[in-house]
Amino acid sequence: MYREGYERYCSACEEFGLESKDFYFFINNLTEEQLNAFKEHSKGREELNA
């Protein structure tokens, strides 16, 4: 799931002409708000697959 988020980040950077950071920088610099949003998104996907 983190890779999926990273791919979306890279696409957005490319779209706006920005250079993206590497995966490890991306993961290590997620905010608490971003991590919470990821957890909520993951829960929703798990419930759909149950």
C-alpha atoms as a PDB file:
ATOM      1  CA  MET A   1       0.000   0.000   0.000  1.00  0.00           C
ATOM      2  CA  TYR A   2       2.854   2.414   0.711  1.00  0.00           C
ATOM      3  CA  ARG A   3       4.222   1.729  -2.768  1.00  0.00           C
ATOM      4  CA  GLU A   4       0.841   2.608  -4.239  1.00  0.00           C
ATOM      5  CA  GLY A   5       0.882   5.917  -2.356  1.00  0.00           C
ATOM      6  CA  TYR A   6       4.442   6.570  -3.473  1.00  0.00           C
ATOM      7  CA  GLU A   7       3.503   5.933  -7.110  1.00  0.00           C
ATOM      8  CA  ARG A   8       0.647   8.447  -6.798  1.00  0.00           C
ATOM      9  CA  TYR A   9       3.075  10.944  -5.259  1.00  0.00           C
ATOM     10  CA  CYS A  10       5.539  10.457  -8.141  1.00  0.00           C
ATOM     11  CA  SER A  11       2.759  10.915 -10.704  1.00  0.00           C
ATOM     12  CA  ALA A  12       1.634  14.143  -9.024  1.00  0.00           C
ATOM     13  CA  CYS A  13       5.212  15.449  -8.952  1.00  0.00           C
ATOM     14  CA  GLU A  14       5.622  14.655 -12.632  1.00  0.00           C
ATOM     15  CA  GLU A  15       2.311  16.334 -13.463  1.00  0.00           C
ATOM     16  CA  PHE A  16       3.427  19.556 -11.771  1.00  0.00           C
ATOM     17  CA  GLY A  17       6.999  19.425 -13.068  1.00  0.00           C
ATOM     18  CA  LEU A  18       8.526  18.698  -9.654  1.00  0.00           C
ATOM     19  CA  GLU A  19      11.302  16.289  -8.791  1.00  0.00           C
ATOM     20  CA  SER A  20      10.114  13.486  -6.525  1.00  0.00           C
ATOM     21  CA  LYS A  21      12.084  12.260  -3.530  1.00  0.00           C
ATOM     22  CA  ASP A  22      13.116   8.628  -3.178  1.00  0.00           C
ATOM     23  CA  PHE A  23      10.828   6.070  -1.540  1.00  0.00           C
ATOM     24  CA  TYR A  24      12.624   6.018   1.820  1.00  0.00           C
ATOM     25  CA  PHE A  25      12.531   9.815   2.135  1.00  0.00           C
ATOM     26  CA  PHE A  26       8.833   9.715   1.237  1.00  0.00           C
ATOM     27  CA  ILE A  27       8.039   7.097   3.908  1.00  0.00           C
ATOM     28  CA  ASN A  28      10.156   8.680   6.628  1.00  0.00           C
ATOM     29  CA  ASN A  29       8.562  12.101   6.145  1.00  0.00           C
ATOM     30  CA  LEU A  30       4.877  11.217   6.210  1.00  0.00           C
ATOM     31  CA  THR A  31       2.942  13.333   8.686  1.00  0.00           C
ATOM     32  CA  GLU A  32       0.742  11.896  11.429  1.00  0.00           C
ATOM     33  CA  GLU A  33      -2.276  13.126   9.476  1.00  0.00           C
ATOM     34  CA  GLN A  34      -1.095  11.283   6.351  1.00  0.00           C
ATOM     35  CA  LEU A  35      -0.456   8.088   8.332  1.00  0.00           C
ATOM     36  CA  ASN A  36      -3.926   8.276   9.899  1.00  0.00           C
ATOM     37  CA  ALA A  37      -5.515   8.789   6.485  1.00  0.00           C
ATOM     38  CA  PHE A  38      -3.598   5.778   5.202  1.00  0.00           C
ATOM     39  CA  LYS A  39      -4.833   3.645   8.113  1.00  0.00           C
ATOM     40  CA  GLU A  40      -8.445   4.687   7.451  1.00  0.00           C
ATOM     41  CA  HIS A  41      -8.073   3.950   3.747  1.00  0.00           C
ATOM     42  CA  SER A  42      -6.568   0.532   4.531  1.00  0.00           C
ATOM     43  CA  LYS A  43      -9.432  -0.316   6.904  1.00  0.00           C
ATOM     44  CA  GLY A  44     -11.949   0.480   4.180  1.00  0.00           C
ATOM     45  CA  ARG A  45     -10.193  -1.756   1.690  1.00  0.00           C
ATOM     46  CA  GLU A  46     -10.004  -4.615   4.211  1.00  0.00           C
ATOM     47  CA  GLU A  47     -13.733  -4.342   4.898  1.00  0.00           C
ATOM     48  CA  LEU A  48     -14.516  -4.472   1.181  1.00  0.00           C
ATOM     49  CA  ASN A  49     -12.413  -7.620   0.796  1.00  0.00           C
ATOM     50  CA  ALA A  50     -14.005  -9.370   3.809  1.00  0.00           C
END
